[in-house]
């Protein structure tokens, strides 16, 4: 049976109400600098099960645990010196690290999908940090959208997909980064598990070494590894410089004067990442049922890697 989904302002009163809902085992959509997350108490089996149910998410797919600081993160994950160095360099911010799960951490096994590792991050968004402090515990929080669909970067995106299935959403306006966090495996040799809002080049510079890549759609060890993900209703073609007449063309940079929409007129990858999911939603609406969307080429560098990763998964064959 549908439940009433509240829209809460990102004020001290709204944050306090959201924290109270979370303590009672409820679910709250909340903003981070990357996308809106769907938060539930990471220690509460029922709350975490409700996250999977609300999203229709496969339960073999692990969740990211959000905490307010490194000190709290160390209660749930085992950090080596290299992981602490990465936390010092990039937290708070759009970096998730996959680390060995601390024995007796008290997290629901649903959060880790039964693995002996945990994905954890410290978000930079002021509202997210205020909510974590008010709640006083770890929040399991995948993106606040139906599983496999376009990620939300605004509160109305959350409501479009999950109204009637969650208790509340905290509205703090659009997200600034616009693509999910970069996921770095730190339970062995450093490994890029998902490109995201922190460019690979920055990680490699801090580590002083190139990153391997890892993870698989068949046995994901971090979120965002399923082959088909972020999908609109319309079909997608990528790297298109000459679209078909029936396609909604999304441009990037100069030379796309005929595009119906654009990620960035000036070819700015930061702007393009921030606009990606909202523009994909607009294009999907314009395309209509049975329609098609074409994206102009995006360079495979910096945040372009994360943008192209999301677009390739959005264009993949649907299960």
Protein backbone atom coordinates (compact mmCIF):
# COMPACT_ATOMS: atom_id res chain seq x y z
CA UNK A 1 0.00 0.00 0.00
CA UNK A 2 1.40 3.45 -0.90
CA UNK A 3 2.59 5.63 1.95
CA UNK A 4 2.56 9.41 2.16
CA UNK A 5 5.88 10.84 1.03
CA UNK A 6 6.73 14.15 2.68
CA UNK A 7 8.80 16.89 1.06
CA UNK A 8 10.95 18.52 3.73
CA UNK A 9 12.87 21.76 3.40
CA UNK A 10 16.59 21.53 4.14
CA UNK A 11 16.21 23.59 7.33
CA UNK A 12 17.13 22.59 10.86
CA UNK A 13 13.50 21.57 11.46
CA UNK A 14 13.33 19.57 8.23
CA UNK A 15 16.63 17.83 8.97
CA UNK A 16 15.49 17.00 12.52
CA UNK A 17 12.25 15.50 11.15
CA UNK A 18 14.20 13.48 8.58
CA UNK A 19 16.54 12.15 11.30
CA UNK A 20 13.54 11.13 13.41
CA UNK A 21 12.08 9.20 10.45
CA UNK A 22 15.41 7.41 9.96
CA UNK A 23 15.67 6.48 13.63
CA UNK A 24 12.21 4.92 13.35
CA UNK A 25 13.40 2.72 10.47
CA UNK A 26 11.97 4.89 7.69
CA UNK A 27 13.51 5.93 4.38
CA UNK A 28 14.51 9.48 3.39
CA UNK A 29 15.78 10.79 0.07
CA UNK A 30 18.54 13.32 0.73
CA UNK A 31 20.94 15.39 -1.35
CA UNK A 32 24.64 14.77 -1.70
CA UNK A 33 27.04 16.65 -3.95
CA UNK A 34 26.80 13.76 -6.45
CA UNK A 35 23.14 12.64 -6.66
CA UNK A 36 20.23 12.29 -4.24
CA UNK A 37 20.60 9.19 -2.06
CA UNK A 38 17.91 6.99 -0.52
CA UNK A 39 18.92 6.77 3.12
CA UNK A 40 18.09 4.12 5.68
CA UNK A 41 19.75 3.03 8.93
CA UNK A 42 22.63 0.80 7.80
CA UNK A 43 22.40 -1.17 11.08
CA UNK A 44 18.70 -1.97 10.72
CA UNK A 45 17.92 -5.07 8.61
CA UNK A 46 14.32 -4.00 8.06
CA UNK A 47 15.25 -0.47 6.98
CA UNK A 48 17.86 -1.78 4.53
CA UNK A 49 15.41 -4.37 3.18
CA UNK A 50 12.96 -1.51 2.60
CA UNK A 51 15.61 0.27 0.48
CA UNK A 52 15.86 -2.77 -1.79
CA UNK A 53 12.08 -3.08 -1.93
CA UNK A 54 11.47 0.62 -2.69
CA UNK A 55 14.03 0.61 -5.50
CA UNK A 56 13.31 -2.89 -6.81
CA UNK A 57 17.07 -3.41 -6.43
CA UNK A 58 18.76 -6.82 -6.77
CA UNK A 59 19.94 -7.89 -3.32
CA UNK A 60 23.32 -9.10 -4.60
CA UNK A 61 24.19 -5.46 -5.30
CA UNK A 62 25.97 -3.82 -2.31
CA UNK A 63 25.14 -0.38 -0.92
CA UNK A 64 27.34 2.58 0.04
CA UNK A 65 27.49 3.52 3.72
CA UNK A 66 27.54 7.30 4.34
CA UNK A 67 29.19 8.64 7.49
CA UNK A 68 30.10 12.16 8.69
CA UNK A 69 33.88 11.75 9.09
CA UNK A 70 36.89 9.41 8.97
CA UNK A 71 36.70 8.67 12.69
CA UNK A 72 33.20 7.25 12.22
CA UNK A 73 34.22 5.41 9.06
CA UNK A 74 36.88 3.54 11.04
CA UNK A 75 34.14 2.05 13.22
CA UNK A 76 32.87 0.10 10.20
CA UNK A 77 35.88 -0.42 7.91
CA UNK A 78 39.56 -1.32 8.36
CA UNK A 79 41.82 1.41 7.00
CA UNK A 80 45.48 1.00 6.10
CA UNK A 81 47.84 3.98 5.73
CA UNK A 82 47.12 4.35 2.00
CA UNK A 83 43.36 4.46 2.61
CA UNK A 84 43.82 7.08 5.34
CA UNK A 85 45.94 9.15 2.94
CA UNK A 86 43.16 9.01 0.33
CA UNK A 87 40.59 10.00 2.96
CA UNK A 88 42.76 12.94 4.00
CA UNK A 89 43.09 14.04 0.38
CA UNK A 90 39.52 13.60 -0.85
CA UNK A 91 37.07 13.40 2.08
CA UNK A 92 34.58 14.93 2.39
CA UNK A 93 33.91 14.52 -1.31
CA UNK A 94 32.76 12.26 -4.17
CA UNK A 95 35.04 9.31 -3.31
CA UNK A 96 33.80 5.94 -2.05
CA UNK A 97 36.36 3.40 -0.83
CA UNK A 98 35.78 -0.33 -0.64
CA UNK A 99 37.62 -1.60 2.42
CA UNK A 100 37.67 -4.70 4.63
CA UNK A 101 34.61 -4.82 6.87
CA UNK A 102 35.54 -4.38 10.53
CA UNK A 103 34.63 -7.37 12.67
CA UNK A 104 31.65 -6.59 14.87
CA UNK A 105 30.83 -3.44 12.88
CA UNK A 106 27.12 -4.02 13.40
CA UNK A 107 26.07 -3.24 9.83
CA UNK A 108 23.22 -5.19 8.27
CA UNK A 109 24.64 -7.96 6.04
CA UNK A 110 22.24 -6.72 3.36
CA UNK A 111 24.40 -3.57 3.07
CA UNK A 112 27.48 -5.55 2.05
CA UNK A 113 25.59 -8.20 0.05
CA UNK A 114 27.28 -10.79 2.27
CA UNK A 115 30.80 -9.70 1.24
CA UNK A 116 33.67 -9.17 3.68
CA UNK A 117 34.15 -5.62 2.38
CA UNK A 118 32.15 -2.43 2.77
CA UNK A 119 31.77 0.58 0.47
CA UNK A 120 31.96 3.78 2.52
CA UNK A 121 32.21 7.53 1.98
CA UNK A 122 32.00 10.94 3.66
CA UNK A 123 29.80 13.24 1.53
CA UNK A 124 30.61 16.93 1.14
CA UNK A 125 27.06 18.29 0.83
CA UNK A 126 26.15 20.46 3.82
CA UNK A 127 22.64 19.02 4.12
CA UNK A 128 23.89 15.44 3.96
CA UNK A 129 26.46 16.15 6.65
CA UNK A 130 23.88 17.87 8.86
CA UNK A 131 21.52 14.90 8.45
CA UNK A 132 24.27 12.41 9.34
CA UNK A 133 25.11 14.38 12.48
CA UNK A 134 21.45 14.69 13.47
CA UNK A 135 20.80 10.99 12.85
CA UNK A 136 23.92 9.91 14.69
CA UNK A 137 24.61 6.72 12.76
CA UNK A 138 25.62 5.27 9.37
CA UNK A 139 23.22 5.61 6.46
CA UNK A 140 23.03 3.06 3.68
CA UNK A 141 22.18 5.15 0.64
CA UNK A 142 22.06 4.10 -3.00
CA UNK A 143 20.73 6.62 -5.51
CA UNK A 144 17.10 7.55 -4.81
CA UNK A 145 15.51 6.15 -7.95
CA UNK A 146 13.98 2.88 -9.14
CA UNK A 147 16.79 0.39 -9.78
CA UNK A 148 18.33 0.67 -13.22
CA UNK A 149 16.67 3.98 -14.05
CA UNK A 150 18.05 7.50 -14.36
CA UNK A 151 19.71 8.77 -11.20
CA UNK A 152 18.12 11.77 -9.43
CA UNK A 153 19.85 15.11 -9.11
CA UNK A 154 16.80 17.05 -7.85
CA UNK A 155 14.12 16.34 -5.26
CA UNK A 156 11.39 16.20 -7.90
CA UNK A 157 13.34 13.42 -9.66
CA UNK A 158 13.17 11.42 -6.41
CA UNK A 159 9.44 12.01 -6.09
CA UNK A 160 8.84 11.06 -9.72
CA UNK A 161 10.30 7.60 -9.14
CA UNK A 162 9.68 6.83 -5.48
CA UNK A 163 6.70 8.85 -4.22
CA UNK A 164 4.44 6.54 -2.22
CA UNK A 165 7.33 4.13 -1.55
CA UNK A 166 9.50 6.20 0.83
CA UNK A 167 8.72 8.38 3.83
CA UNK A 168 10.28 11.70 2.86
CA UNK A 169 12.69 13.63 0.68
CA UNK A 170 14.86 16.52 1.85
CA UNK A 171 14.85 19.20 -0.84
CA UNK A 172 18.08 21.22 -1.07
CA UNK A 173 17.97 21.99 -4.78
CA UNK A 174 20.07 20.51 -7.61
CA UNK A 175 23.20 18.48 -6.93
CA UNK A 176 26.43 20.18 -7.98
CA UNK A 177 28.52 17.23 -9.22
CA UNK A 178 25.70 15.33 -10.91
CA UNK A 179 27.25 11.85 -11.29
CA UNK A 180 27.76 9.28 -8.57
CA UNK A 181 30.92 9.01 -6.51
CA UNK A 182 34.06 7.41 -7.85
CA UNK A 183 34.56 3.99 -6.22
CA UNK A 184 38.10 2.96 -5.34
CA UNK A 185 38.89 -0.55 -4.16
CA UNK A 186 41.37 -0.32 -1.30
CA UNK A 187 41.12 -3.85 0.11
CA UNK A 188 44.26 -4.83 -1.82
CA UNK A 189 46.03 -3.20 -4.76
CA UNK A 190 44.21 0.09 -5.42
CA UNK A 191 41.61 -0.53 -8.13
CA UNK A 192 39.07 1.67 -9.91
CA UNK A 193 35.71 -0.04 -9.46
CA UNK A 194 33.51 2.75 -10.85
CA UNK A 195 34.43 6.07 -12.47
CA UNK A 196 32.56 9.00 -10.99
CA UNK A 197 32.65 12.54 -9.69
CA UNK A 198 36.35 12.43 -8.75
CA UNK A 199 38.52 12.03 -11.88
CA UNK A 200 40.79 9.00 -12.16
CA UNK A 201 43.74 11.29 -12.84
CA UNK A 202 43.39 12.91 -9.40
CA UNK A 203 43.38 9.51 -7.70
CA UNK A 204 46.42 8.31 -9.61
CA UNK A 205 48.31 11.50 -8.82
CA UNK A 206 47.59 11.08 -5.10
CA UNK A 207 48.49 7.38 -5.13
CA UNK A 208 51.56 7.86 -7.29
CA UNK A 209 50.59 4.90 -9.46
CA UNK A 210 48.20 3.96 -12.26
CA UNK A 211 44.94 2.30 -11.24
CA UNK A 212 43.85 -1.14 -12.29
CA UNK A 213 40.14 -1.67 -12.99
CA UNK A 214 37.95 -4.36 -11.46
CA UNK A 215 34.48 -5.56 -10.63
CA UNK A 216 31.92 -7.27 -12.85
CA UNK A 217 28.23 -7.12 -13.68
CA UNK A 218 27.85 -10.80 -12.78
CA UNK A 219 29.37 -10.52 -9.29
CA UNK A 220 29.41 -6.83 -8.33
CA UNK A 221 31.67 -5.90 -5.42
CA UNK A 222 30.57 -2.26 -5.49
CA UNK A 223 27.47 -0.33 -6.58
CA UNK A 224 26.99 0.81 -10.18
CA UNK A 225 28.55 -2.23 -11.90
CA UNK A 226 25.42 -3.75 -13.45
CA UNK A 227 25.67 -3.79 -17.25
CA UNK A 228 22.29 -2.08 -17.74
CA UNK A 229 21.82 0.89 -15.44
CA UNK A 230 20.67 4.55 -15.48
CA UNK A 231 18.28 3.61 -18.30
CA UNK A 232 15.64 5.92 -19.83
CA UNK A 233 12.59 4.54 -21.63
CA UNK A 234 13.94 5.64 -25.01
CA UNK A 235 16.70 3.87 -26.93
CA UNK A 236 20.16 5.49 -26.88
CA UNK A 237 22.89 5.90 -29.47
CA UNK A 238 26.25 7.30 -28.38
CA UNK A 239 29.03 9.20 -30.14
CA UNK A 240 26.60 10.60 -32.73
CA UNK A 241 27.64 13.59 -34.85
CA UNK A 242 24.82 13.24 -37.42
CA UNK A 243 21.57 12.18 -35.75
CA UNK A 244 18.58 10.67 -37.47
CA UNK A 245 15.60 12.97 -37.97
CA UNK A 246 13.53 11.06 -35.38
CA UNK A 247 16.21 11.16 -32.66
CA UNK A 248 16.43 13.70 -29.85
CA UNK A 249 20.05 14.84 -30.22
CA UNK A 250 21.94 15.89 -27.08
CA UNK A 251 25.00 17.96 -27.91
CA UNK A 252 28.31 18.59 -26.20
CA UNK A 253 30.58 21.49 -27.05
CA UNK A 254 30.73 23.65 -30.19
CA UNK A 255 29.47 22.28 -33.47
CA UNK A 256 26.17 20.95 -32.14
CA UNK A 257 24.00 23.89 -33.17
CA UNK A 258 21.15 21.64 -34.24
CA UNK A 259 20.96 19.76 -30.96
CA UNK A 260 17.64 19.79 -29.12
CA UNK A 261 19.49 19.77 -25.78
CA UNK A 262 23.09 20.10 -24.68
CA UNK A 263 25.21 18.92 -21.79
CA UNK A 264 27.53 21.91 -22.19
CA UNK A 265 27.66 24.42 -25.03
CA UNK A 266 31.30 25.17 -24.23
CA UNK A 267 32.42 21.56 -23.83
CA UNK A 268 32.90 21.89 -20.06
CA UNK A 269 33.01 18.38 -18.53
CA UNK A 270 32.16 19.65 -15.03
CA UNK A 271 29.02 21.34 -16.38
CA UNK A 272 28.20 18.27 -18.47
CA UNK A 273 28.42 15.94 -15.48
CA UNK A 274 26.18 18.20 -13.41
CA UNK A 275 23.62 18.30 -16.23
CA UNK A 276 23.78 14.65 -17.32
CA UNK A 277 20.88 12.96 -15.53
CA UNK A 278 18.51 15.92 -15.69
CA UNK A 279 19.19 16.30 -19.43
CA UNK A 280 18.70 12.56 -19.95
CA UNK A 281 15.29 12.84 -18.29
CA UNK A 282 14.33 15.82 -20.49
CA UNK A 283 15.46 13.96 -23.61
CA UNK A 284 13.48 10.89 -22.58
CA UNK A 285 10.31 12.96 -22.23
CA UNK A 286 10.86 14.60 -25.61
CA UNK A 287 11.54 11.27 -27.29
CA UNK A 288 8.25 9.81 -26.08
CA UNK A 289 7.17 6.18 -26.12
CA UNK A 290 9.24 4.13 -28.55
CA UNK A 291 11.51 7.09 -29.27
CA UNK A 292 15.27 7.42 -29.50
CA UNK A 293 18.00 9.68 -28.13
CA UNK A 294 21.42 10.37 -29.65
CA UNK A 295 24.35 11.78 -27.67
CA UNK A 296 27.22 13.68 -29.21
CA UNK A 297 30.73 12.32 -28.48
CA UNK A 298 32.15 12.99 -25.00
CA UNK A 299 35.95 12.86 -24.53
CA UNK A 300 37.19 9.89 -22.52
CA UNK A 301 39.17 11.97 -20.06
CA UNK A 302 38.59 13.43 -16.59
CA UNK A 303 34.89 13.48 -15.74
CA UNK A 304 34.22 12.37 -19.32
CA UNK A 305 35.04 8.81 -18.21
CA UNK A 306 32.21 8.88 -15.66
CA UNK A 307 29.78 10.47 -18.14
CA UNK A 308 30.59 7.86 -20.81
CA UNK A 309 30.34 5.04 -18.26
CA UNK A 310 26.81 6.12 -17.32
CA UNK A 311 25.77 6.56 -20.94
CA UNK A 312 27.13 3.16 -21.99
CA UNK A 313 25.19 1.48 -19.18
CA UNK A 314 22.07 3.49 -20.09
CA UNK A 315 22.40 2.31 -23.70
CA UNK A 316 23.05 -1.37 -22.81
CA UNK A 317 20.46 -4.05 -23.64
CA UNK A 318 17.79 -4.16 -20.94
CA UNK A 319 17.39 -7.32 -18.84
